[in-house]
């Protein structure tokens, strides 16, 4: 995903997540720290249907994020 600034970054992820939710797909968002919080806030009520993780914590061990 290409983005010019933080707003475009969040908007792109939110659009992708909402399309998955509309298709009744499970969604896991793994982003480093405050970026996940920004996406959660932008999703509003839809965030309740999304599982969030902090990639800066969980990304150190690929076994924790690979099914």
N, C-alpha and C. Protein backbone atom coordinates (compact mmCIF):
# COMPACT_ATOMS: atom_id res chain seq x y z
N UNK A 1 0.84 -1.16 0.00
CA UNK A 1 0.00 0.00 0.00
C UNK A 1 0.89 1.23 0.00
N UNK A 2 0.59 2.15 -0.89
CA UNK A 2 1.33 3.41 -0.95
C UNK A 2 0.51 4.50 -0.26
N UNK A 3 1.20 5.36 0.46
CA UNK A 3 0.52 6.46 1.15
C UNK A 3 1.47 7.64 1.27
N UNK A 4 0.91 8.82 1.30
CA UNK A 4 1.72 10.03 1.39
C UNK A 4 1.91 10.54 2.80
N UNK A 5 0.96 10.23 3.67
CA UNK A 5 1.05 10.71 5.05
C UNK A 5 0.24 9.79 5.96
N UNK A 6 0.19 10.12 7.22
CA UNK A 6 -0.51 9.29 8.20
C UNK A 6 -1.99 9.14 7.94
N UNK A 7 -2.62 10.19 7.45
CA UNK A 7 -4.05 10.11 7.15
C UNK A 7 -4.32 9.12 6.02
N UNK A 8 -3.50 9.17 4.99
CA UNK A 8 -3.67 8.23 3.87
C UNK A 8 -3.40 6.79 4.32
N UNK A 9 -2.43 6.63 5.20
CA UNK A 9 -2.10 5.31 5.74
C UNK A 9 -3.32 4.71 6.45
N UNK A 10 -3.89 5.48 7.36
CA UNK A 10 -5.05 5.01 8.12
C UNK A 10 -6.24 4.80 7.20
N UNK A 11 -6.49 5.73 6.29
CA UNK A 11 -7.63 5.61 5.38
C UNK A 11 -7.53 4.36 4.52
N UNK A 12 -6.34 4.04 4.05
CA UNK A 12 -6.16 2.84 3.22
C UNK A 12 -6.42 1.56 4.00
N UNK A 13 -5.93 1.50 5.22
CA UNK A 13 -6.14 0.31 6.04
C UNK A 13 -7.60 0.19 6.43
N UNK A 14 -8.22 1.29 6.80
CA UNK A 14 -9.64 1.27 7.18
C UNK A 14 -10.50 0.79 6.01
N UNK A 15 -10.22 1.25 4.81
CA UNK A 15 -10.99 0.82 3.64
C UNK A 15 -10.84 -0.68 3.42
N UNK A 16 -9.62 -1.19 3.55
CA UNK A 16 -9.36 -2.61 3.38
C UNK A 16 -10.09 -3.43 4.45
N UNK A 17 -10.01 -2.99 5.69
CA UNK A 17 -10.66 -3.68 6.80
C UNK A 17 -12.18 -3.68 6.62
N UNK A 18 -12.73 -2.55 6.27
CA UNK A 18 -14.19 -2.47 6.10
C UNK A 18 -14.68 -3.35 4.96
N UNK A 19 -13.89 -3.48 3.90
CA UNK A 19 -14.30 -4.36 2.81
C UNK A 19 -14.29 -5.81 3.27
N UNK A 20 -13.33 -6.18 4.09
CA UNK A 20 -13.30 -7.55 4.63
C UNK A 20 -14.47 -7.78 5.57
N UNK A 21 -14.78 -6.81 6.41
CA UNK A 21 -15.92 -6.96 7.32
C UNK A 21 -17.22 -7.06 6.55
N UNK A 22 -17.36 -6.29 5.47
CA UNK A 22 -18.57 -6.34 4.65
C UNK A 22 -18.74 -7.71 4.00
N UNK A 23 -17.62 -8.39 3.75
CA UNK A 23 -17.65 -9.73 3.16
C UNK A 23 -17.74 -10.80 4.24
N UNK A 24 -17.96 -10.38 5.48
CA UNK A 24 -18.09 -11.28 6.63
C UNK A 24 -16.84 -12.14 6.85
N UNK A 25 -15.68 -11.52 6.63
CA UNK A 25 -14.39 -12.19 6.82
C UNK A 25 -13.80 -11.79 8.18
N UNK A 26 -13.09 -12.70 8.81
CA UNK A 26 -12.40 -12.33 10.05
C UNK A 26 -11.24 -11.38 9.73
N UNK A 27 -10.97 -10.47 10.64
CA UNK A 27 -9.92 -9.47 10.39
C UNK A 27 -8.98 -9.40 11.59
N UNK A 28 -7.70 -9.49 11.30
CA UNK A 28 -6.64 -9.29 12.28
C UNK A 28 -5.79 -8.14 11.78
N UNK A 29 -5.65 -7.10 12.57
CA UNK A 29 -4.82 -5.96 12.23
C UNK A 29 -3.60 -5.99 13.14
N UNK A 30 -2.43 -6.18 12.55
CA UNK A 30 -1.16 -6.19 13.28
C UNK A 30 -0.34 -5.00 12.82
N UNK A 31 -0.28 -3.99 13.65
CA UNK A 31 0.48 -2.78 13.34
C UNK A 31 1.30 -2.40 14.56
N UNK A 32 2.40 -1.68 14.34
CA UNK A 32 3.20 -1.26 15.49
C UNK A 32 2.50 -0.18 16.32
N UNK A 33 2.42 -0.42 17.60
CA UNK A 33 1.96 0.52 18.61
C UNK A 33 0.83 1.46 18.25
N UNK A 34 1.13 2.76 18.21
CA UNK A 34 0.08 3.76 18.04
C UNK A 34 -0.62 3.71 16.68
N UNK A 35 -0.02 3.08 15.71
CA UNK A 35 -0.70 2.97 14.41
C UNK A 35 -1.95 2.12 14.52
N UNK A 36 -1.90 1.06 15.30
CA UNK A 36 -3.08 0.24 15.52
C UNK A 36 -4.16 1.00 16.25
N UNK A 37 -3.76 1.81 17.19
CA UNK A 37 -4.73 2.63 17.92
C UNK A 37 -5.41 3.62 16.99
N UNK A 38 -4.66 4.22 16.09
CA UNK A 38 -5.22 5.17 15.13
C UNK A 38 -6.24 4.49 14.22
N UNK A 39 -5.92 3.29 13.77
CA UNK A 39 -6.85 2.55 12.91
C UNK A 39 -8.11 2.18 13.70
N UNK A 40 -7.94 1.74 14.93
CA UNK A 40 -9.09 1.39 15.76
C UNK A 40 -10.02 2.57 15.96
N UNK A 41 -9.46 3.74 16.24
CA UNK A 41 -10.28 4.94 16.42
C UNK A 41 -11.00 5.30 15.13
N UNK A 42 -10.32 5.18 14.00
CA UNK A 42 -10.93 5.53 12.71
C UNK A 42 -12.05 4.56 12.34
N UNK A 43 -11.94 3.31 12.79
CA UNK A 43 -12.99 2.33 12.50
C UNK A 43 -14.25 2.56 13.33
N UNK A 44 -14.12 3.25 14.43
CA UNK A 44 -15.28 3.51 15.29
C UNK A 44 -15.88 2.20 15.79
N UNK A 45 -17.19 2.06 15.66
CA UNK A 45 -17.90 0.88 16.16
C UNK A 45 -17.45 -0.40 15.45
N UNK A 46 -16.97 -0.29 14.21
CA UNK A 46 -16.50 -1.47 13.48
C UNK A 46 -15.29 -2.12 14.15
N UNK A 47 -14.56 -1.37 14.95
CA UNK A 47 -13.37 -1.90 15.61
C UNK A 47 -13.72 -3.08 16.53
N UNK A 48 -14.94 -3.15 17.00
CA UNK A 48 -15.35 -4.25 17.88
C UNK A 48 -15.32 -5.59 17.16
N UNK A 49 -15.37 -5.56 15.83
CA UNK A 49 -15.37 -6.79 15.03
C UNK A 49 -13.98 -7.14 14.50
N UNK A 50 -12.97 -6.44 14.97
CA UNK A 50 -11.60 -6.62 14.49
C UNK A 50 -10.71 -7.04 15.65
N UNK A 51 -9.82 -7.98 15.39
CA UNK A 51 -8.82 -8.36 16.39
C UNK A 51 -7.57 -7.54 16.11
N UNK A 52 -7.03 -6.89 17.14
CA UNK A 52 -5.86 -6.05 17.00
C UNK A 52 -4.67 -6.67 17.72
N UNK A 53 -3.49 -6.47 17.16
CA UNK A 53 -2.26 -6.89 17.80
C UNK A 53 -1.19 -5.85 17.55
N UNK A 54 -0.16 -5.87 18.36
CA UNK A 54 0.94 -4.92 18.23
C UNK A 54 2.12 -5.64 17.58
N UNK A 55 2.38 -5.34 16.32
CA UNK A 55 3.44 -6.02 15.58
C UNK A 55 4.82 -5.79 16.19
N UNK A 56 5.01 -4.67 16.88
CA UNK A 56 6.31 -4.44 17.50
C UNK A 56 6.56 -5.43 18.63
N UNK A 57 5.50 -6.00 19.18
CA UNK A 57 5.63 -7.01 20.23
C UNK A 57 5.57 -8.43 19.64
N UNK A 58 4.59 -8.67 18.79
CA UNK A 58 4.33 -10.01 18.30
C UNK A 58 5.17 -10.38 17.08
N UNK A 59 5.69 -9.38 16.37
CA UNK A 59 6.45 -9.63 15.16
C UNK A 59 7.83 -10.21 15.38
N UNK A 60 8.30 -10.17 16.61
CA UNK A 60 9.62 -10.73 16.91
C UNK A 60 9.64 -12.24 16.80
N UNK A 61 8.48 -12.85 16.95
CA UNK A 61 8.37 -14.31 16.86
C UNK A 61 7.34 -14.64 15.79
N UNK A 62 7.78 -14.95 14.54
CA UNK A 62 6.83 -15.22 13.47
C UNK A 62 5.84 -16.33 13.77
N UNK A 63 6.18 -17.24 14.67
CA UNK A 63 5.27 -18.32 15.04
C UNK A 63 4.01 -17.81 15.74
N UNK A 64 4.07 -16.62 16.29
CA UNK A 64 2.91 -16.05 16.97
C UNK A 64 1.90 -15.44 16.00
N UNK A 65 2.34 -15.14 14.76
CA UNK A 65 1.43 -14.51 13.81
C UNK A 65 1.11 -15.40 12.61
N UNK A 66 1.79 -16.52 12.47
CA UNK A 66 1.56 -17.43 11.35
C UNK A 66 0.71 -18.60 11.84
N UNK A 67 -0.46 -18.80 11.21
CA UNK A 67 -1.31 -19.90 11.65
C UNK A 67 -0.71 -21.26 11.36
